[in-house]
Amino acid sequence: MTTPVRISAQDAKARISQGLSMLVCIYDDQKFHDQAHLEGAIPMSEFMKMKPDLPKDTDIIFY
């Protein structure tokens, strides 16, 4: 397992816009849609559905 690394919001935005990383919100669907949605992000519930099929080297940014 890889050690988590903190990155700046600017770096995260650049990585997402370049398609280098996946942005995942740790909140449930309701809070994600009501309060915590960032452009390009998916809720944790969607990530959990995708997780088994993701390549092991997928770069994921959680917020």
Protein backbone atom coordinates (compact mmCIF):
# COMPACT_ATOMS: atom_id res chain seq x y z
CA MET A 1 0.00 0.00 0.00
CA THR A 2 1.19 3.50 -0.78
CA THR A 3 1.53 6.14 1.91
CA PRO A 4 -1.03 8.96 1.51
CA VAL A 5 0.44 12.29 0.44
CA ARG A 6 -1.13 15.70 1.04
CA ILE A 7 -1.25 18.00 -1.97
CA SER A 8 -2.46 21.56 -2.44
CA ALA A 9 -5.86 22.40 -3.87
CA GLN A 10 -4.12 23.91 -6.90
CA ASP A 11 -2.15 20.72 -7.54
CA ALA A 12 -5.30 18.60 -7.13
CA LYS A 13 -7.22 20.79 -9.58
CA ALA A 14 -4.40 20.56 -12.13
CA ARG A 15 -4.16 16.76 -11.79
CA ILE A 16 -7.94 16.36 -12.20
CA SER A 17 -8.17 18.69 -15.20
CA GLN A 18 -5.29 16.84 -16.90
CA GLY A 19 -6.98 13.49 -16.29
CA LEU A 20 -4.12 12.27 -14.10
CA SER A 21 -6.18 11.64 -10.96
CA MET A 22 -9.66 10.64 -9.83
CA LEU A 23 -11.38 12.98 -7.33
CA VAL A 24 -13.51 11.23 -4.71
CA CYS A 25 -15.65 12.90 -2.03
CA ILE A 26 -15.72 10.91 1.22
CA TYR A 27 -19.24 12.05 2.11
CA ASP A 28 -22.50 10.23 1.48
CA ASP A 29 -24.57 11.04 -1.57
CA GLN A 30 -26.83 13.61 0.11
CA LYS A 31 -24.05 15.71 1.66
CA PHE A 32 -22.03 15.36 -1.55
CA HIS A 33 -24.83 16.87 -3.61
CA ASP A 34 -25.91 19.46 -1.02
CA GLN A 35 -22.63 20.78 0.35
CA ALA A 36 -19.42 19.12 -0.75
CA HIS A 37 -19.52 18.76 -4.53
CA LEU A 38 -16.42 19.85 -6.42
CA GLU A 39 -16.26 19.88 -10.21
CA GLY A 40 -15.09 16.53 -11.53
CA ALA A 41 -15.67 14.66 -8.25
CA ILE A 42 -17.65 11.51 -7.63
CA PRO A 43 -19.28 10.48 -4.33
CA MET A 44 -17.81 7.68 -2.24
CA SER A 45 -20.74 5.38 -3.09
CA GLU A 46 -19.90 5.60 -6.80
CA PHE A 47 -16.19 5.07 -6.09
CA MET A 48 -16.94 1.91 -4.08
CA LYS A 49 -18.85 0.48 -7.05
CA MET A 50 -15.92 1.24 -9.38
CA LYS A 51 -13.15 0.19 -7.00
CA PRO A 52 -12.98 -3.53 -7.89
CA ASP A 53 -12.37 -2.70 -11.55
CA LEU A 54 -9.89 0.16 -11.15
CA PRO A 55 -6.25 -0.46 -12.09
CA LYS A 56 -4.04 -0.76 -9.01
CA ASP A 57 -2.00 2.28 -10.10
CA THR A 58 -4.99 4.65 -10.29
CA ASP A 59 -4.14 7.98 -8.64
CA ILE A 60 -7.04 8.87 -6.32
CA ILE A 61 -7.53 12.15 -4.49
CA PHE A 62 -9.93 11.97 -1.53
CA TYR A 63 -11.46 15.05 0.03
